[in-house]
Amino acid sequence: MQFTNEVNWDILDFLVAAIPLLSTGLACNFIIQKVKNTKFRIAICLAIFTILFIIWGELAVGIF
């Protein structure tokens, strides 16, 4: 947006990007606090990040 006029984002675009990032961070923080087994923590957080990347890719280019 600073270098070209081809990108025309508004506040809704930034909100749609912020909500999955915020919810992923909060979910992983919750898992780290509640789950005591380190292997389960890592597995659950990896699953959450995988879901984030799938959603992010869908929103960016529409993979599905």
Protein backbone atom coordinates (compact mmCIF):
# COMPACT_ATOMS: atom_id res chain seq x y z
CA MET A 1 0.00 0.00 0.00
CA GLN A 2 2.98 2.30 0.51
CA PHE A 3 4.74 1.41 -2.73
CA THR A 4 1.98 0.65 -5.24
CA ASN A 5 -1.69 1.36 -5.83
CA GLU A 6 -2.43 -2.27 -6.74
CA VAL A 7 -2.94 -3.20 -3.09
CA ASN A 8 -6.13 -1.70 -1.71
CA TRP A 9 -6.70 -3.08 1.79
CA ASP A 10 -9.16 -1.62 4.23
CA ILE A 11 -9.67 -2.17 7.96
CA LEU A 12 -11.76 -5.31 7.39
CA ASP A 13 -8.83 -7.02 5.63
CA PHE A 14 -6.58 -6.31 8.59
CA LEU A 15 -9.21 -7.60 11.02
CA VAL A 16 -9.64 -10.81 9.03
CA ALA A 17 -5.87 -11.30 9.22
CA ALA A 18 -5.62 -10.42 12.91
CA ILE A 19 -8.40 -12.66 14.22
CA PRO A 20 -6.81 -16.01 13.22
CA LEU A 21 -3.38 -14.87 14.43
CA LEU A 22 -4.74 -13.71 17.78
CA SER A 23 -6.87 -16.79 18.30
CA THR A 24 -3.94 -19.08 17.44
CA GLY A 25 -1.70 -17.35 19.93
CA LEU A 26 -4.35 -17.46 22.65
CA ALA A 27 -5.12 -21.12 21.97
CA CYS A 28 -1.45 -22.14 22.14
CA ASN A 29 -0.99 -20.12 25.32
CA PHE A 30 -3.99 -21.87 26.85
CA ILE A 31 -2.64 -25.28 25.83
CA ILE A 32 0.80 -24.50 27.27
CA GLN A 33 -0.78 -23.53 30.59
CA LYS A 34 -3.21 -26.44 30.90
CA VAL A 35 -1.42 -29.44 29.38
CA LYS A 36 1.41 -30.81 31.49
CA ASN A 37 2.89 -33.37 29.09
CA THR A 38 5.44 -31.68 26.80
CA LYS A 39 4.86 -34.07 23.87
CA PHE A 40 1.12 -33.39 23.95
CA ARG A 41 1.76 -29.63 24.15
CA ILE A 42 3.92 -29.74 21.05
CA ALA A 43 1.50 -31.98 19.15
CA ILE A 44 -1.54 -29.85 19.95
CA CYS A 45 0.24 -26.59 19.14
CA LEU A 46 1.49 -28.04 15.84
CA ALA A 47 -2.08 -29.04 15.02
CA ILE A 48 -3.27 -25.51 15.83
CA PHE A 49 -0.54 -24.00 13.64
CA THR A 50 -1.41 -26.40 10.81
CA ILE A 51 -5.03 -25.29 10.99
CA LEU A 52 -3.87 -21.65 10.95
CA PHE A 53 -1.74 -22.22 7.84
CA ILE A 54 -4.58 -23.99 6.04
CA ILE A 55 -7.00 -21.17 6.84
CA TRP A 56 -4.40 -18.54 5.92
CA GLY A 57 -3.70 -20.22 2.59
CA GLU A 58 -7.40 -20.50 1.85
CA LEU A 59 -7.93 -16.82 2.57
CA ALA A 60 -4.88 -15.83 0.52
CA VAL A 61 -5.29 -17.87 -2.64
CA GLY A 62 -8.23 -20.23 -2.18
CA ILE A 63 -6.58 -23.65 -2.21
CA PHE A 64 -9.81 -25.56 -1.76
